[in-house]
């Protein structure tokens, strides 16, 4: 069929059957072209194209630089990990390598008795207790700061948001 005037140019081979569908084409009825905003942005890692423009994002373990296009390696040693504790130390296993046979955990402290601990994942801070006090450390630095001396027994800990202790 000639789409411009409707004249039948060629018959259908199965004219005795009911057609299942007919499609018409017209240039004005086509979807508008999708603009590839990433083509000009030149992101160093990953570019996400959106209707209103593009956005650069970084691979895990990297942070976006102020230019909003390039990425730099994040100085934090562990991006995602599993923290376990025994009575005297904390050990961190990188979540990407934990299933590797013979994986060596990175352990810290090794001297302070630990009875309870809580982790603030947003701030990357670890608060832990023993029979004499409450302590704080950063997952990235592991330098321990003594927060409180306790006189009684600590029976448990629960994470609370925005804990402020003034001494």
N, C-alpha and C. Protein backbone atom coordinates (compact mmCIF):
# COMPACT_ATOMS: atom_id res chain seq x y z
N UNK A 1 0.85 -1.17 0.00
CA UNK A 1 0.00 0.00 0.00
C UNK A 1 0.89 1.23 0.00
N UNK A 2 0.60 2.17 -0.84
CA UNK A 2 1.30 3.45 -0.87
C UNK A 2 0.71 4.30 0.24
N UNK A 3 1.54 4.67 1.24
CA UNK A 3 1.05 5.38 2.41
C UNK A 3 0.62 6.80 2.10
N UNK A 4 1.11 7.33 1.02
CA UNK A 4 0.75 8.72 0.70
C UNK A 4 -0.62 8.85 0.05
N UNK A 5 -1.04 7.80 -0.72
CA UNK A 5 -2.34 7.93 -1.40
C UNK A 5 -3.29 6.75 -1.18
N UNK A 6 -2.84 5.66 -0.50
CA UNK A 6 -3.70 4.53 -0.20
C UNK A 6 -3.87 3.52 -1.31
N UNK A 7 -3.16 3.67 -2.42
CA UNK A 7 -3.26 2.73 -3.54
C UNK A 7 -2.55 1.44 -3.16
N UNK A 8 -3.22 0.29 -3.42
CA UNK A 8 -2.62 -1.01 -3.11
C UNK A 8 -1.58 -1.32 -4.18
N UNK A 9 -0.34 -1.49 -3.73
CA UNK A 9 0.75 -1.80 -4.64
C UNK A 9 0.95 -3.29 -4.76
N UNK A 10 0.72 -4.01 -3.69
CA UNK A 10 0.97 -5.45 -3.67
C UNK A 10 -0.03 -6.09 -2.72
N UNK A 11 -0.57 -7.23 -3.07
CA UNK A 11 -1.52 -7.91 -2.21
C UNK A 11 -0.83 -8.67 -1.10
N UNK A 12 -1.55 -8.90 -0.02
CA UNK A 12 -1.01 -9.69 1.07
C UNK A 12 -1.07 -11.17 0.70
N UNK A 13 -0.03 -11.96 1.04
CA UNK A 13 -0.03 -13.37 0.66
C UNK A 13 -1.15 -14.16 1.34
N UNK A 14 -1.58 -13.77 2.51
CA UNK A 14 -2.65 -14.47 3.23
C UNK A 14 -3.85 -13.55 3.34
N UNK A 15 -4.37 -13.11 2.22
CA UNK A 15 -5.48 -12.15 2.20
C UNK A 15 -6.76 -12.71 2.79
N UNK A 16 -6.90 -14.03 2.87
CA UNK A 16 -8.13 -14.60 3.42
C UNK A 16 -8.14 -14.64 4.95
N UNK A 17 -7.07 -14.21 5.60
CA UNK A 17 -7.01 -14.16 7.06
C UNK A 17 -7.18 -12.72 7.54
N UNK A 18 -7.69 -12.60 8.73
CA UNK A 18 -7.82 -11.26 9.32
C UNK A 18 -6.44 -10.79 9.78
N UNK A 19 -6.00 -9.62 9.37
CA UNK A 19 -4.69 -9.13 9.82
C UNK A 19 -4.70 -8.90 11.34
N UNK A 20 -3.56 -9.20 11.97
CA UNK A 20 -3.45 -9.04 13.42
C UNK A 20 -3.14 -7.60 13.80
N UNK A 21 -2.52 -6.87 12.91
CA UNK A 21 -2.20 -5.50 13.22
C UNK A 21 -1.72 -4.76 12.00
N UNK A 22 -1.90 -3.48 12.01
CA UNK A 22 -1.43 -2.64 10.92
C UNK A 22 -0.69 -1.48 11.56
N UNK A 23 0.45 -1.15 11.02
CA UNK A 23 1.25 -0.05 11.52
C UNK A 23 1.40 1.00 10.43
N UNK A 24 1.24 2.22 10.81
CA UNK A 24 1.39 3.33 9.87
C UNK A 24 2.61 4.14 10.29
N UNK A 25 3.26 4.70 9.34
CA UNK A 25 4.44 5.52 9.61
C UNK A 25 4.20 6.93 9.10
N UNK A 26 4.55 7.89 9.93
CA UNK A 26 4.56 9.28 9.49
C UNK A 26 5.67 9.98 10.27
N UNK A 27 6.51 10.77 9.61
CA UNK A 27 7.63 11.42 10.31
C UNK A 27 7.20 12.24 11.52
N UNK A 28 6.04 12.87 11.47
CA UNK A 28 5.60 13.70 12.59
C UNK A 28 5.15 12.88 13.80
N UNK A 29 4.86 11.60 13.61
CA UNK A 29 4.38 10.75 14.69
C UNK A 29 5.50 9.95 15.37
N UNK A 30 6.75 10.24 15.03
CA UNK A 30 7.87 9.50 15.61
C UNK A 30 8.25 10.11 16.96
N UNK A 31 8.82 9.29 17.85
CA UNK A 31 9.26 9.83 19.14
C UNK A 31 10.34 10.88 18.93
N UNK A 32 10.35 11.86 19.81
CA UNK A 32 11.39 12.89 19.70
C UNK A 32 12.73 12.26 20.02
N UNK A 33 13.77 12.69 19.34
CA UNK A 33 15.08 12.10 19.59
C UNK A 33 15.55 12.39 21.02
N UNK A 34 16.19 11.40 21.60
CA UNK A 34 16.72 11.54 22.95
C UNK A 34 18.08 12.21 22.85
N UNK A 35 18.24 13.29 23.59
CA UNK A 35 19.52 13.99 23.58
C UNK A 35 20.48 13.27 24.52
N UNK A 36 21.68 13.03 24.06
CA UNK A 36 22.70 12.40 24.88
C UNK A 36 23.52 13.50 25.53
N UNK A 37 23.11 13.91 26.72
CA UNK A 37 23.80 14.97 27.44
C UNK A 37 25.20 14.53 27.87
N UNK A 38 25.43 13.24 27.96
CA UNK A 38 26.73 12.72 28.39
C UNK A 38 27.80 12.91 27.31
N UNK A 39 27.38 13.07 26.08
CA UNK A 39 28.32 13.18 24.98
C UNK A 39 29.29 14.34 25.18
N UNK A 40 28.82 15.43 25.75
CA UNK A 40 29.66 16.61 25.91
C UNK A 40 30.18 16.81 27.34
N UNK A 41 29.62 16.10 28.31
CA UNK A 41 30.00 16.33 29.71
C UNK A 41 31.39 15.80 30.05
N UNK A 42 31.79 14.70 29.46
CA UNK A 42 33.12 14.10 29.68
C UNK A 42 33.38 13.73 31.14
N UNK A 43 32.53 12.90 31.70
CA UNK A 43 32.73 12.40 33.06
C UNK A 43 33.89 11.42 33.08
N UNK A 44 34.67 11.44 34.17
CA UNK A 44 35.82 10.53 34.25
C UNK A 44 35.40 9.09 34.57
N UNK A 45 34.25 8.89 35.22
CA UNK A 45 33.82 7.54 35.57
C UNK A 45 32.49 7.19 34.92
N UNK A 46 31.38 7.62 35.50
CA UNK A 46 30.05 7.22 35.04
C UNK A 46 29.22 8.48 34.78
N UNK A 47 28.52 8.50 33.66
CA UNK A 47 27.63 9.61 33.34
C UNK A 47 26.20 9.09 33.28
N UNK A 48 25.30 9.80 33.95
CA UNK A 48 23.88 9.45 33.94
C UNK A 48 23.16 10.56 33.20
N UNK A 49 22.54 10.22 32.07
CA UNK A 49 21.82 11.21 31.27
C UNK A 49 20.38 11.31 31.78
N UNK A 50 19.95 12.55 32.02
CA UNK A 50 18.59 12.80 32.48
C UNK A 50 17.91 13.76 31.52
N UNK A 51 16.62 13.97 31.68
CA UNK A 51 15.90 14.89 30.80
C UNK A 51 16.47 16.30 30.85
N UNK A 52 16.84 16.74 32.06
CA UNK A 52 17.31 18.11 32.24
C UNK A 52 18.83 18.26 32.14
N UNK A 53 19.53 17.24 31.76
CA UNK A 53 20.98 17.31 31.64
C UNK A 53 21.62 16.00 32.04
N UNK A 54 22.88 16.08 32.40
CA UNK A 54 23.62 14.88 32.78
C UNK A 54 24.24 15.07 34.15
N UNK A 55 24.59 13.95 34.76
CA UNK A 55 25.17 13.95 36.09
C UNK A 55 26.33 12.98 36.11
N UNK A 56 27.47 13.41 36.60
CA UNK A 56 28.62 12.52 36.74
C UNK A 56 28.58 11.88 38.12
N UNK A 57 28.85 10.59 38.18
CA UNK A 57 28.98 9.89 39.45
C UNK A 57 30.25 9.05 39.41
N UNK A 58 30.71 8.66 40.57
CA UNK A 58 31.98 7.93 40.66
C UNK A 58 31.75 6.47 41.03
N UNK A 59 32.72 5.64 40.65
CA UNK A 59 32.70 4.24 41.06
C UNK A 59 32.90 4.16 42.56
N UNK A 60 32.55 3.02 43.13
CA UNK A 60 32.73 2.83 44.56
C UNK A 60 34.20 2.98 44.92
N UNK A 61 34.45 3.67 46.01
CA UNK A 61 35.82 3.90 46.46
C UNK A 61 36.39 5.21 45.95
N UNK A 62 35.58 5.98 45.22
CA UNK A 62 36.02 7.27 44.69
C UNK A 62 35.00 8.33 45.07
N UNK A 63 35.46 9.59 45.11
CA UNK A 63 34.56 10.71 45.40
C UNK A 63 34.63 11.71 44.26
N UNK A 64 33.52 12.42 44.05
CA UNK A 64 33.43 13.40 42.97
C UNK A 64 34.16 14.67 43.38
N UNK A 65 35.02 15.16 42.50
CA UNK A 65 35.79 16.38 42.75
C UNK A 65 34.89 17.60 42.59
N UNK A 66 35.34 18.77 43.09
CA UNK A 66 34.52 19.99 42.97
C UNK A 66 34.17 20.37 41.53
N UNK A 67 34.94 19.92 40.54
CA UNK A 67 34.60 20.24 39.14
C UNK A 67 33.37 19.48 38.66
N UNK A 68 32.85 18.55 39.49
CA UNK A 68 31.65 17.74 39.22
C UNK A 68 31.79 16.83 38.01
N UNK A 69 33.04 16.60 37.55
CA UNK A 69 33.27 15.74 36.38
C UNK A 69 34.28 14.63 36.65
N UNK A 70 35.29 14.93 37.44
CA UNK A 70 36.36 13.96 37.69
C UNK A 70 36.23 13.37 39.08
N UNK A 71 36.84 12.21 39.27
CA UNK A 71 36.77 11.49 40.54
C UNK A 71 38.17 11.27 41.10
N UNK A 72 38.28 11.25 42.41
CA UNK A 72 39.54 10.95 43.09
C UNK A 72 39.30 9.79 44.05
N UNK A 73 40.35 9.03 44.28
CA UNK A 73 40.22 7.90 45.20
C UNK A 73 39.90 8.41 46.59
N UNK A 74 38.94 7.78 47.24
CA UNK A 74 38.55 8.16 48.59
C UNK A 74 39.61 7.67 49.56
N UNK A 75 40.03 8.55 50.46
CA UNK A 75 41.10 8.20 51.40
C UNK A 75 40.66 7.21 52.47
N UNK A 76 39.37 7.00 52.62
CA UNK A 76 38.89 6.06 53.63
C UNK A 76 39.28 4.65 53.22
N UNK A 77 39.86 3.93 54.13
CA UNK A 77 40.40 2.62 53.80
C UNK A 77 39.30 1.61 53.45
N UNK A 78 38.26 1.57 54.23
CA UNK A 78 37.19 0.60 54.00
C UNK A 78 35.94 1.34 53.54
N UNK A 79 35.45 1.00 52.38
CA UNK A 79 34.21 1.60 51.89
C UNK A 79 33.01 0.85 52.44
N UNK A 80 33.06 -0.47 52.35
CA UNK A 80 31.99 -1.31 52.88
C UNK A 80 32.65 -2.50 53.55
N UNK A 81 32.25 -2.75 54.76
CA UNK A 81 32.89 -3.84 55.46
C UNK A 81 32.02 -4.41 56.55
N UNK A 82 32.50 -5.48 57.09
CA UNK A 82 31.85 -6.16 58.19
C UNK A 82 32.76 -6.00 59.40
N UNK A 83 32.23 -5.45 60.49
CA UNK A 83 33.03 -5.24 61.70
C UNK A 83 32.63 -6.30 62.72
N UNK A 84 33.63 -7.00 63.21
CA UNK A 84 33.42 -8.00 64.25
C UNK A 84 34.33 -7.67 65.42
N UNK A 85 33.98 -8.16 66.58
CA UNK A 85 34.75 -7.86 67.77
C UNK A 85 34.90 -9.11 68.61
N UNK A 86 36.05 -9.20 69.26
CA UNK A 86 36.19 -10.17 70.33
C UNK A 86 36.42 -9.36 71.60
N UNK A 87 36.94 -9.93 72.63
CA UNK A 87 37.08 -9.21 73.89
C UNK A 87 38.13 -8.10 73.86
N UNK A 88 39.07 -8.15 72.91
CA UNK A 88 40.16 -7.17 72.95
C UNK A 88 40.39 -6.39 71.66
N UNK A 89 39.70 -6.70 70.59
CA UNK A 89 39.97 -5.98 69.34
C UNK A 89 38.76 -5.95 68.41
N UNK A 90 38.83 -5.03 67.46
CA UNK A 90 37.87 -4.95 66.37
C UNK A 90 38.56 -5.40 65.11
N UNK A 91 37.86 -6.16 64.30
CA UNK A 91 38.41 -6.58 63.02
C UNK A 91 37.43 -6.18 61.92
N UNK A 92 37.98 -5.73 60.81
CA UNK A 92 37.16 -5.30 59.68
C UNK A 92 37.49 -6.17 58.48
N UNK A 93 36.45 -6.66 57.83
CA UNK A 93 36.61 -7.43 56.60
C UNK A 93 35.98 -6.64 55.47
N UNK A 94 36.75 -6.38 54.43
CA UNK A 94 36.21 -5.70 53.25
C UNK A 94 35.14 -6.59 52.64
N UNK A 95 33.96 -6.05 52.43
CA UNK A 95 32.82 -6.84 51.97
C UNK A 95 33.06 -7.45 50.59
N UNK A 96 33.92 -6.85 49.79
CA UNK A 96 34.20 -7.36 48.45
C UNK A 96 35.16 -8.55 48.46
N UNK A 97 35.93 -8.68 49.53
CA UNK A 97 36.94 -9.73 49.55
C UNK A 97 36.72 -10.76 50.65
N UNK A 98 35.64 -10.63 51.39
CA UNK A 98 35.42 -11.50 52.55
C UNK A 98 35.30 -12.97 52.17
N UNK A 99 34.84 -13.26 50.96
CA UNK A 99 34.67 -14.66 50.56
C UNK A 99 35.94 -15.26 49.96
N UNK A 100 37.00 -14.47 49.86
CA UNK A 100 38.25 -14.97 49.30
C UNK A 100 38.92 -15.88 50.33
N UNK A 101 39.32 -17.02 49.88
CA UNK A 101 39.97 -17.99 50.77
C UNK A 101 41.27 -17.40 51.33
N UNK A 102 41.45 -17.50 52.61
CA UNK A 102 42.66 -17.00 53.25
C UNK A 102 42.66 -15.49 53.47
N UNK A 103 41.49 -14.86 53.39
CA UNK A 103 41.41 -13.40 53.58
C UNK A 103 41.87 -13.04 54.98
N UNK A 104 42.72 -12.04 55.10
CA UNK A 104 43.21 -11.58 56.40
C UNK A 104 42.42 -10.37 56.85
N UNK A 105 41.79 -10.48 57.99
CA UNK A 105 41.07 -9.35 58.56
C UNK A 105 42.06 -8.30 59.02
N UNK A 106 41.66 -7.04 58.98
CA UNK A 106 42.46 -5.96 59.54
C UNK A 106 41.92 -5.71 60.94
N UNK A 107 42.78 -5.88 61.95
CA UNK A 107 42.34 -5.76 63.33
C UNK A 107 43.00 -4.57 64.02
N UNK A 108 42.26 -3.96 64.95
CA UNK A 108 42.73 -2.78 65.67
C UNK A 108 42.53 -2.95 67.16
N UNK A 109 43.20 -2.12 67.92
CA UNK A 109 43.13 -1.97 69.37
C UNK A 109 43.93 -3.03 70.11
N UNK A 110 43.52 -4.26 70.13
CA UNK A 110 44.27 -5.37 70.73
C UNK A 110 44.68 -5.20 72.18
N UNK A 111 44.11 -4.26 72.92
CA UNK A 111 44.51 -4.13 74.31
C UNK A 111 43.34 -3.81 75.23
N UNK A 112 42.36 -3.11 74.73
CA UNK A 112 41.25 -2.68 75.56
C UNK A 112 40.19 -3.78 75.60
N UNK A 113 39.71 -4.07 76.79
CA UNK A 113 38.62 -5.04 76.91
C UNK A 113 37.35 -4.43 76.31
N UNK A 114 36.67 -5.19 75.47
CA UNK A 114 35.46 -4.70 74.80
C UNK A 114 34.28 -5.58 75.23
N UNK A 115 33.25 -4.93 75.76
CA UNK A 115 32.06 -5.70 76.13
C UNK A 115 30.89 -5.44 75.19
N UNK A 116 30.75 -4.21 74.68
CA UNK A 116 29.67 -3.84 73.77
C UNK A 116 30.19 -2.83 72.76
N UNK A 117 29.57 -2.80 71.58
CA UNK A 117 29.91 -1.72 70.65
C UNK A 117 28.74 -1.42 69.73
N UNK A 118 28.72 -0.19 69.22
CA UNK A 118 27.73 0.28 68.26
C UNK A 118 28.47 1.05 67.18
N UNK A 119 27.93 1.01 65.97
CA UNK A 119 28.55 1.66 64.83
C UNK A 119 27.58 2.67 64.23
N UNK A 120 28.06 3.91 64.05
CA UNK A 120 27.31 4.93 63.32
C UNK A 120 27.82 4.90 61.89
N UNK A 121 27.09 4.26 61.00
CA UNK A 121 27.57 4.07 59.62
C UNK A 121 27.63 5.38 58.85
N UNK A 122 26.75 6.32 59.15
CA UNK A 122 26.76 7.60 58.43
C UNK A 122 28.02 8.39 58.75
N UNK A 123 28.42 8.39 60.01
CA UNK A 123 29.61 9.15 60.42
C UNK A 123 30.87 8.29 60.44
N UNK A 124 30.72 6.99 60.24
CA UNK A 124 31.84 6.06 60.28
C UNK A 124 32.54 6.10 61.64
N UNK A 125 31.74 6.08 62.70
CA UNK A 125 32.25 6.14 64.06
C UNK A 125 31.84 4.90 64.84
N UNK A 126 32.72 4.48 65.71
CA UNK A 126 32.51 3.29 66.52
C UNK A 126 32.52 3.72 67.99
N UNK A 127 31.48 3.38 68.72
CA UNK A 127 31.41 3.65 70.16
C UNK A 127 31.39 2.30 70.85
N UNK A 128 32.28 2.13 71.82
CA UNK A 128 32.33 0.84 72.50
C UNK A 128 32.52 1.04 73.99
N UNK A 129 32.22 -0.01 74.73
CA UNK A 129 32.26 0.05 76.19
C UNK A 129 33.01 -1.15 76.74
N UNK A 130 33.54 -0.93 77.94
CA UNK A 130 34.07 -2.04 78.73
C UNK A 130 33.65 -1.79 80.18
N UNK A 131 34.22 -2.50 81.10
CA UNK A 131 33.77 -2.38 82.49
C UNK A 131 34.11 -1.04 83.12
N UNK A 132 35.02 -0.26 82.52
CA UNK A 132 35.41 0.99 83.16
C UNK A 132 34.97 2.25 82.41
N UNK A 133 34.55 2.13 81.15
CA UNK A 133 34.20 3.36 80.46
C UNK A 133 33.57 3.18 79.09
N UNK A 134 33.29 4.32 78.51
CA UNK A 134 32.73 4.41 77.17
C UNK A 134 33.78 5.08 76.29
N UNK A 135 34.03 4.51 75.12
CA UNK A 135 35.10 4.99 74.25
C UNK A 135 34.56 5.25 72.84
N UNK A 136 35.31 6.04 72.11
CA UNK A 136 34.93 6.43 70.76
C UNK A 136 36.15 6.31 69.85
N UNK A 137 35.92 5.90 68.61
CA UNK A 137 36.98 5.90 67.61
C UNK A 137 36.36 6.03 66.22
N UNK A 138 37.16 6.50 65.29
CA UNK A 138 36.73 6.59 63.90
C UNK A 138 37.15 5.32 63.18
N UNK A 139 36.31 4.82 62.31
CA UNK A 139 36.64 3.61 61.54
C UNK A 139 37.85 3.87 60.64
N UNK A 140 38.07 5.13 60.25
CA UNK A 140 39.17 5.46 59.35
C UNK A 140 40.50 5.66 60.06
N UNK A 141 40.48 6.12 61.31
CA UNK A 141 41.74 6.44 61.99
C UNK A 141 42.07 5.48 63.12
N UNK A 142 41.09 4.99 63.80
CA UNK A 142 41.26 4.10 64.94
C UNK A 142 42.19 4.66 66.01
N UNK A 143 42.00 5.93 66.34
CA UNK A 143 42.65 6.49 67.52
C UNK A 143 41.55 6.64 68.56
N UNK A 144 41.74 6.00 69.69
CA UNK A 144 40.68 5.88 70.70
C UNK A 144 40.62 7.12 71.57
N UNK A 145 39.39 7.58 71.83
CA UNK A 145 39.16 8.69 72.74
C UNK A 145 38.25 8.19 73.86
N UNK A 146 38.66 8.44 75.10
CA UNK A 146 37.88 8.03 76.26
C UNK A 146 36.77 9.06 76.48
N UNK A 147 35.52 8.63 76.46
CA UNK A 147 34.39 9.55 76.61
C UNK A 147 33.91 9.67 78.05
N UNK A 148 33.67 8.55 78.69
CA UNK A 148 33.10 8.53 80.04
C UNK A 148 33.74 7.44 80.88
N UNK A 149 33.84 7.71 82.18
CA UNK A 149 34.22 6.66 83.11
C UNK A 149 32.93 6.19 83.78
N UNK A 150 32.78 4.90 83.86
CA UNK A 150 31.55 4.37 84.46
C UNK A 150 31.85 3.77 85.83
N UNK A 151 30.87 3.85 86.71
CA UNK A 151 31.04 3.27 88.04
C UNK A 151 30.21 2.01 88.21
N UNK A 152 29.18 1.88 87.40
CA UNK A 152 28.33 0.69 87.46
C UNK A 152 28.66 -0.27 86.33
N UNK A 153 27.73 -1.15 86.06
CA UNK A 153 27.92 -2.16 85.02
C UNK A 153 27.14 -1.73 83.77
N UNK A 154 27.78 -1.78 82.60
CA UNK A 154 27.09 -1.51 81.34
C UNK A 154 26.48 -2.82 80.87
N UNK A 155 25.16 -2.82 80.71
CA UNK A 155 24.48 -4.06 80.35
C UNK A 155 24.13 -4.14 78.86
N UNK A 156 24.34 -3.06 78.13
CA UNK A 156 24.04 -3.07 76.70
C UNK A 156 24.21 -1.70 76.10
N UNK A 157 24.16 -1.66 74.79
CA UNK A 157 24.27 -0.38 74.08
C UNK A 157 23.26 -0.37 72.95
N UNK A 158 22.81 0.82 72.62
CA UNK A 158 21.90 0.99 71.50
C UNK A 158 22.28 2.27 70.79
N UNK A 159 22.31 2.22 69.49
CA UNK A 159 22.70 3.39 68.70
C UNK A 159 21.66 4.49 68.81
N UNK A 160 22.12 5.70 69.02
CA UNK A 160 21.22 6.85 68.98
C UNK A 160 21.81 7.89 68.05
N UNK A 161 20.97 8.58 67.34
CA UNK A 161 21.42 9.57 66.37
C UNK A 161 21.83 10.85 67.09
N UNK A 162 22.93 11.45 66.65
CA UNK A 162 23.41 12.73 67.18
C UNK A 162 23.64 12.70 68.69
N UNK A 163 24.40 11.72 69.16
CA UNK A 163 24.75 11.63 70.57
C UNK A 163 25.74 12.74 70.90
N UNK A 164 25.43 13.57 71.88
CA UNK A 164 26.31 14.65 72.29
C UNK A 164 26.63 14.44 73.76
N UNK A 165 27.93 14.35 74.06
CA UNK A 165 28.37 14.19 75.44
C UNK A 165 29.29 15.36 75.76
N UNK A 166 28.91 16.18 76.71
CA UNK A 166 29.78 17.28 77.10
C UNK A 166 30.35 16.97 78.48
N UNK A 167 31.64 17.08 78.58
CA UNK A 167 32.32 16.74 79.83
C UNK A 167 32.76 17.98 80.56
